[in-house]
Amino acid sequence: IDPALTLTLDECVPCGLIINELVSNSLKHAFPTGTPGEIVIRVFGDGQACTLIVGDNGCGLPASADCAHAGTLGLQLVTHLVRQLNGSMNVSGERGTKFTLIFPVKRADGSAPP
């Protein structure tokens, strides 16, 4: 996590829920039969936007996976939380699974930076 990044509570709570859901999914689905693996969480920003990456080097997503229209409650929650942050989400299922979320950061008073 970038120590220079400052987020409001209204941004931190959805980010925490998103991280929890995506890490839980990795632990549950990415490493079948207890195969070893790695989960990576990165958070960084430039003062205008925050990028949150949650990924693993597990078995990846099937080609038919559509996270935007996921049938699972967890991925629906992630999609709604990303919308709540006015962000976007990119999902890659090659060589593991990687979720990249980008959202505009707010100032402590709730306004967007200039």
N, C-alpha and C. Protein backbone atom coordinates (compact mmCIF):
# COMPACT_ATOMS: atom_id res chain seq x y z
N ILE A 1 0.85 -1.18 0.00
CA ILE A 1 0.00 0.00 0.00
C ILE A 1 0.89 1.23 0.00
N ASP A 2 0.59 2.13 -0.90
CA ASP A 2 1.35 3.37 -1.00
C ASP A 2 1.10 4.20 0.26
N PRO A 3 2.14 4.46 1.06
CA PRO A 3 1.94 5.20 2.31
C PRO A 3 1.53 6.65 2.09
N ALA A 4 1.75 7.19 0.90
CA ALA A 4 1.38 8.58 0.61
C ALA A 4 -0.09 8.70 0.22
N LEU A 5 -0.75 7.59 -0.03
CA LEU A 5 -2.15 7.60 -0.47
C LEU A 5 -3.06 7.89 0.72
N THR A 6 -3.96 8.83 0.54
CA THR A 6 -4.94 9.16 1.57
C THR A 6 -6.33 8.95 1.00
N LEU A 7 -7.12 8.13 1.69
CA LEU A 7 -8.50 7.88 1.27
C LEU A 7 -9.44 8.28 2.39
N THR A 8 -10.66 8.63 2.02
CA THR A 8 -11.68 8.94 3.01
C THR A 8 -12.28 7.64 3.54
N LEU A 9 -13.00 7.73 4.64
CA LEU A 9 -13.67 6.56 5.20
C LEU A 9 -14.66 5.99 4.18
N ASP A 10 -15.33 6.87 3.43
CA ASP A 10 -16.29 6.42 2.42
C ASP A 10 -15.62 5.66 1.28
N GLU A 11 -14.32 5.80 1.13
CA GLU A 11 -13.58 5.04 0.13
C GLU A 11 -12.95 3.79 0.76
N CYS A 12 -12.49 3.92 2.00
CA CYS A 12 -11.82 2.80 2.67
C CYS A 12 -12.75 1.62 2.92
N VAL A 13 -13.97 1.88 3.33
CA VAL A 13 -14.90 0.79 3.65
C VAL A 13 -15.21 -0.06 2.41
N PRO A 14 -15.61 0.55 1.27
CA PRO A 14 -15.83 -0.28 0.08
C PRO A 14 -14.56 -1.02 -0.36
N CYS A 15 -13.40 -0.35 -0.27
CA CYS A 15 -12.14 -1.02 -0.65
C CYS A 15 -11.89 -2.24 0.22
N GLY A 16 -12.11 -2.11 1.52
CA GLY A 16 -11.93 -3.24 2.43
C GLY A 16 -12.87 -4.39 2.10
N LEU A 17 -14.12 -4.07 1.79
CA LEU A 17 -15.08 -5.12 1.43
C LEU A 17 -14.70 -5.79 0.11
N ILE A 18 -14.23 -4.99 -0.85
CA ILE A 18 -13.79 -5.54 -2.14
C ILE A 18 -12.60 -6.48 -1.93
N ILE A 19 -11.60 -6.02 -1.18
CA ILE A 19 -10.42 -6.85 -0.92
C ILE A 19 -10.83 -8.14 -0.24
N ASN A 20 -11.68 -8.05 0.77
CA ASN A 20 -12.13 -9.24 1.50
C ASN A 20 -12.80 -10.24 0.55
N GLU A 21 -13.67 -9.77 -0.30
CA GLU A 21 -14.39 -10.66 -1.21
C GLU A 21 -13.46 -11.30 -2.23
N LEU A 22 -12.56 -10.51 -2.81
CA LEU A 22 -11.68 -11.05 -3.85
C LEU A 22 -10.64 -12.01 -3.27
N VAL A 23 -10.12 -11.71 -2.09
CA VAL A 23 -9.18 -12.64 -1.45
C VAL A 23 -9.90 -13.93 -1.06
N SER A 24 -11.11 -13.81 -0.54
CA SER A 24 -11.90 -15.01 -0.21
C SER A 24 -12.13 -15.87 -1.44
N ASN A 25 -12.44 -15.23 -2.57
CA ASN A 25 -12.65 -15.97 -3.82
C ASN A 25 -11.36 -16.67 -4.25
N SER A 26 -10.22 -15.99 -4.11
CA SER A 26 -8.95 -16.61 -4.47
C SER A 26 -8.68 -17.83 -3.60
N LEU A 27 -8.88 -17.68 -2.31
CA LEU A 27 -8.63 -18.81 -1.40
C LEU A 27 -9.55 -19.99 -1.70
N LYS A 28 -10.77 -19.68 -2.11
CA LYS A 28 -11.77 -20.73 -2.35
C LYS A 28 -11.61 -21.41 -3.72
N HIS A 29 -11.23 -20.63 -4.75
CA HIS A 29 -11.29 -21.16 -6.12
C HIS A 29 -9.95 -21.25 -6.86
N ALA A 30 -8.97 -20.44 -6.49
CA ALA A 30 -7.76 -20.33 -7.31
C ALA A 30 -6.80 -21.50 -7.15
N PHE A 31 -6.82 -22.14 -6.00
CA PHE A 31 -5.82 -23.15 -5.70
C PHE A 31 -6.49 -24.47 -5.33
N PRO A 32 -6.96 -25.20 -6.34
CA PRO A 32 -7.68 -26.45 -6.06
C PRO A 32 -6.76 -27.48 -5.41
N THR A 33 -7.36 -28.28 -4.60
CA THR A 33 -6.69 -29.38 -3.89
C THR A 33 -5.46 -28.92 -3.12
N GLY A 34 -5.50 -27.70 -2.62
CA GLY A 34 -4.43 -27.23 -1.76
C GLY A 34 -3.12 -26.90 -2.46
N THR A 35 -3.15 -26.71 -3.77
CA THR A 35 -1.91 -26.35 -4.46
C THR A 35 -1.40 -25.01 -3.93
N PRO A 36 -0.09 -24.85 -3.82
CA PRO A 36 0.45 -23.59 -3.30
C PRO A 36 0.24 -22.46 -4.30
N GLY A 37 0.22 -21.26 -3.77
CA GLY A 37 0.05 -20.11 -4.65
C GLY A 37 0.29 -18.82 -3.91
N GLU A 38 0.07 -17.74 -4.62
CA GLU A 38 0.33 -16.42 -4.08
C GLU A 38 -0.84 -15.50 -4.40
N ILE A 39 -1.21 -14.69 -3.42
CA ILE A 39 -2.22 -13.65 -3.61
C ILE A 39 -1.53 -12.32 -3.39
N VAL A 40 -1.76 -11.38 -4.29
CA VAL A 40 -1.12 -10.07 -4.22
C VAL A 40 -2.19 -8.99 -4.12
N ILE A 41 -1.95 -8.04 -3.21
CA ILE A 41 -2.82 -6.87 -3.07
C ILE A 41 -1.93 -5.64 -3.18
N ARG A 42 -2.27 -4.76 -4.11
CA ARG A 42 -1.53 -3.50 -4.27
C ARG A 42 -2.53 -2.35 -4.30
N VAL A 43 -2.19 -1.27 -3.61
CA VAL A 43 -3.01 -0.07 -3.61
C VAL A 43 -2.08 1.12 -3.78
N PHE A 44 -2.34 1.93 -4.79
CA PHE A 44 -1.51 3.11 -5.02
C PHE A 44 -2.33 4.18 -5.72
N GLY A 45 -1.84 5.41 -5.67
CA GLY A 45 -2.57 6.49 -6.30
C GLY A 45 -1.65 7.62 -6.70
N ASP A 46 -2.23 8.58 -7.43
CA ASP A 46 -1.46 9.72 -7.89
C ASP A 46 -2.07 11.04 -7.44
N GLY A 47 -2.95 11.00 -6.46
CA GLY A 47 -3.63 12.21 -5.99
C GLY A 47 -4.93 12.47 -6.71
N GLN A 48 -5.10 11.89 -7.87
CA GLN A 48 -6.33 12.04 -8.66
C GLN A 48 -7.15 10.76 -8.66
N ALA A 49 -6.45 9.63 -8.75
CA ALA A 49 -7.13 8.33 -8.84
C ALA A 49 -6.39 7.32 -7.97
N CYS A 50 -7.12 6.33 -7.55
CA CYS A 50 -6.57 5.22 -6.77
C CYS A 50 -6.69 3.95 -7.61
N THR A 51 -5.65 3.15 -7.59
CA THR A 51 -5.68 1.86 -8.27
C THR A 51 -5.55 0.77 -7.21
N LEU A 52 -6.47 -0.16 -7.24
CA LEU A 52 -6.48 -1.30 -6.32
C LEU A 52 -6.36 -2.56 -7.17
N ILE A 53 -5.33 -3.36 -6.90
CA ILE A 53 -5.13 -4.60 -7.65
C ILE A 53 -5.16 -5.76 -6.67
N VAL A 54 -6.00 -6.75 -6.96
CA VAL A 54 -6.05 -7.99 -6.21
C VAL A 54 -5.89 -9.11 -7.23
N GLY A 55 -4.84 -9.90 -7.06
CA GLY A 55 -4.58 -10.96 -8.03
C GLY A 55 -4.00 -12.19 -7.38
N ASP A 56 -4.02 -13.27 -8.13
CA ASP A 56 -3.43 -14.52 -7.66
C ASP A 56 -2.79 -15.23 -8.85
N ASN A 57 -1.97 -16.22 -8.56
CA ASN A 57 -1.34 -17.00 -9.62
C ASN A 57 -1.95 -18.40 -9.69
N GLY A 58 -3.23 -18.47 -9.39
CA GLY A 58 -3.94 -19.74 -9.39
C GLY A 58 -4.37 -20.18 -10.77
N CYS A 59 -5.44 -20.95 -10.81
CA CYS A 59 -5.89 -21.59 -12.05
C CYS A 59 -6.57 -20.65 -13.03
N GLY A 60 -6.86 -19.41 -12.64
CA GLY A 60 -7.43 -18.44 -13.57
C GLY A 60 -8.94 -18.59 -13.70
N LEU A 61 -9.51 -17.70 -14.48
CA LEU A 61 -10.95 -17.71 -14.73
C LEU A 61 -11.24 -18.46 -16.02
N PRO A 62 -12.37 -19.15 -16.07
CA PRO A 62 -12.76 -19.75 -17.35
C PRO A 62 -13.07 -18.67 -18.38
N ALA A 63 -12.87 -18.97 -19.63
CA ALA A 63 -13.10 -18.00 -20.71
C ALA A 63 -14.53 -17.48 -20.71
N SER A 64 -15.46 -18.28 -20.19
CA SER A 64 -16.86 -17.90 -20.19
C SER A 64 -17.24 -16.98 -19.03
N ALA A 65 -16.32 -16.70 -18.14
CA ALA A 65 -16.62 -15.89 -16.96
C ALA A 65 -16.93 -14.44 -17.36
N ASP A 66 -18.01 -13.90 -16.81
CA ASP A 66 -18.40 -12.51 -17.05
C ASP A 66 -18.69 -11.88 -15.69
N CYS A 67 -17.70 -11.21 -15.14
CA CYS A 67 -17.83 -10.66 -13.79
C CYS A 67 -18.85 -9.54 -13.72
N ALA A 68 -19.06 -8.83 -14.81
CA ALA A 68 -20.03 -7.73 -14.80
C ALA A 68 -21.45 -8.25 -14.62
N HIS A 69 -21.69 -9.48 -15.06
CA HIS A 69 -23.02 -10.08 -14.93
C HIS A 69 -22.92 -11.39 -14.15
N ALA A 70 -22.12 -11.36 -13.11
CA ALA A 70 -21.86 -12.58 -12.34
C ALA A 70 -23.12 -13.06 -11.64
N GLY A 71 -23.23 -14.36 -11.57
CA GLY A 71 -24.36 -14.96 -10.88
C GLY A 71 -24.10 -15.12 -9.39
N THR A 72 -22.87 -14.90 -8.96
CA THR A 72 -22.56 -15.07 -7.55
C THR A 72 -22.76 -13.75 -6.81
N LEU A 73 -23.24 -13.86 -5.60
CA LEU A 73 -23.50 -12.69 -4.78
C LEU A 73 -22.23 -11.90 -4.52
N GLY A 74 -21.11 -12.59 -4.29
CA GLY A 74 -19.85 -11.92 -3.99
C GLY A 74 -19.37 -11.01 -5.11
N LEU A 75 -19.38 -11.52 -6.35
CA LEU A 75 -18.93 -10.69 -7.47
C LEU A 75 -19.94 -9.60 -7.81
N GLN A 76 -21.21 -9.86 -7.55
CA GLN A 76 -22.20 -8.79 -7.72
C GLN A 76 -21.92 -7.67 -6.72
N LEU A 77 -21.57 -8.04 -5.49
CA LEU A 77 -21.23 -7.06 -4.47
C LEU A 77 -20.02 -6.23 -4.90
N VAL A 78 -18.99 -6.89 -5.41
CA VAL A 78 -17.79 -6.19 -5.87
C VAL A 78 -18.16 -5.19 -6.97
N THR A 79 -18.97 -5.62 -7.93
CA THR A 79 -19.39 -4.75 -9.03
C THR A 79 -20.13 -3.52 -8.50
N HIS A 80 -21.02 -3.72 -7.55
CA HIS A 80 -21.78 -2.60 -6.99
C HIS A 80 -20.88 -1.66 -6.18
N LEU A 81 -19.93 -2.22 -5.45
CA LEU A 81 -19.01 -1.38 -4.67
C LEU A 81 -18.12 -0.54 -5.58
N VAL A 82 -17.69 -1.12 -6.70
CA VAL A 82 -16.89 -0.36 -7.67
C VAL A 82 -17.73 0.79 -8.23
N ARG A 83 -18.99 0.53 -8.53
CA ARG A 83 -19.88 1.61 -9.00
C ARG A 83 -20.04 2.68 -7.93
N GLN A 84 -20.18 2.25 -6.66
CA GLN A 84 -20.32 3.19 -5.55
C GLN A 84 -19.12 4.14 -5.48
N LEU A 85 -17.95 3.63 -5.84
CA LEU A 85 -16.73 4.44 -5.84
C LEU A 85 -16.57 5.25 -7.14
N ASN A 86 -17.54 5.14 -8.04
CA ASN A 86 -17.46 5.78 -9.37
C ASN A 86 -16.23 5.30 -10.12
N GLY A 87 -15.94 4.01 -9.98
CA GLY A 87 -14.74 3.45 -10.58
C GLY A 87 -15.03 2.51 -11.73
N SER A 88 -13.95 1.92 -12.20
CA SER A 88 -14.03 0.93 -13.26
C SER A 88 -13.24 -0.31 -12.83
N MET A 89 -13.59 -1.44 -13.41
CA MET A 89 -12.94 -2.70 -13.05
C MET A 89 -12.56 -3.44 -14.31
N ASN A 90 -11.33 -3.95 -14.32
CA ASN A 90 -10.84 -4.78 -15.40
C ASN A 90 -10.45 -6.12 -14.79
N VAL A 91 -10.84 -7.19 -15.43
CA VAL A 91 -10.54 -8.54 -14.93
C VAL A 91 -9.76 -9.30 -15.98
N SER A 92 -8.65 -9.88 -15.55
CA SER A 92 -7.84 -10.71 -16.43
C SER A 92 -7.80 -12.11 -15.83
N GLY A 93 -8.01 -13.11 -16.65
CA GLY A 93 -8.03 -14.49 -16.18
C GLY A 93 -6.90 -15.32 -16.72
N GLU A 94 -5.88 -14.68 -17.25
CA GLU A 94 -4.74 -15.41 -17.80
C GLU A 94 -3.64 -15.52 -16.76
N ARG A 95 -3.04 -16.70 -16.63
CA ARG A 95 -1.98 -16.93 -15.64
C ARG A 95 -2.42 -16.48 -14.26
N GLY A 96 -3.53 -16.98 -13.83
CA GLY A 96 -4.12 -16.56 -12.56
C GLY A 96 -5.25 -15.59 -12.84
N THR A 97 -5.70 -14.92 -11.81
CA THR A 97 -6.77 -13.95 -11.94
C THR A 97 -6.30 -12.63 -11.36
N LYS A 98 -6.61 -11.55 -12.06
CA LYS A 98 -6.20 -10.23 -11.61
C LYS A 98 -7.35 -9.25 -11.79
N PHE A 99 -7.77 -8.65 -10.68
CA PHE A 99 -8.80 -7.61 -10.69
C PHE A 99 -8.08 -6.28 -10.52
N THR A 100 -8.29 -5.35 -11.45
CA THR A 100 -7.72 -4.02 -11.36
C THR A 100 -8.88 -3.02 -11.29
N LEU A 101 -8.95 -2.30 -10.19
CA LEU A 101 -10.00 -1.32 -9.98
C LEU A 101 -9.37 0.06 -9.92
N ILE A 102 -9.97 1.01 -10.61
CA ILE A 102 -9.49 2.38 -10.60
C ILE A 102 -10.68 3.28 -10.28
N PHE A 103 -10.48 4.17 -9.30
CA PHE A 103 -11.55 5.10 -8.95
C PHE A 103 -10.96 6.46 -8.58
N PRO A 104 -11.73 7.54 -8.79
CA PRO A 104 -11.23 8.87 -8.42
C PRO A 104 -11.19 9.01 -6.91
N VAL A 105 -10.14 9.64 -6.40
CA VAL A 105 -10.05 9.85 -4.95
C VAL A 105 -10.76 11.15 -4.59
N LYS A 106 -11.22 11.21 -3.35
CA LYS A 106 -11.90 12.40 -2.83
C LYS A 106 -11.00 13.07 -1.81
N ARG A 107 -11.24 14.32 -1.60
CA ARG A 107 -10.56 15.03 -0.52
C ARG A 107 -11.27 14.70 0.79
N ALA A 108 -10.65 15.06 1.89
CA ALA A 108 -11.24 14.80 3.20
C ALA A 108 -12.63 15.45 3.34
N ASP A 109 -12.87 16.55 2.59
CA ASP A 109 -14.19 17.19 2.66
C ASP A 109 -15.21 16.55 1.73
N GLY A 110 -14.79 15.46 1.02
CA GLY A 110 -15.71 14.71 0.15
C GLY A 110 -15.70 15.16 -1.29
N SER A 111 -14.99 16.26 -1.62
CA SER A 111 -14.97 16.74 -3.00
C SER A 111 -13.85 16.06 -3.78
N ALA A 112 -14.01 16.07 -5.09
CA ALA A 112 -12.97 15.49 -5.96
C ALA A 112 -11.83 16.47 -6.08
N PRO A 113 -10.58 15.98 -6.25
CA PRO A 113 -9.44 16.89 -6.42
C PRO A 113 -9.55 17.66 -7.73
N PRO A 114 -8.85 18.78 -7.84
CA PRO A 114 -8.95 19.60 -9.07
C PRO A 114 -8.38 18.88 -10.27
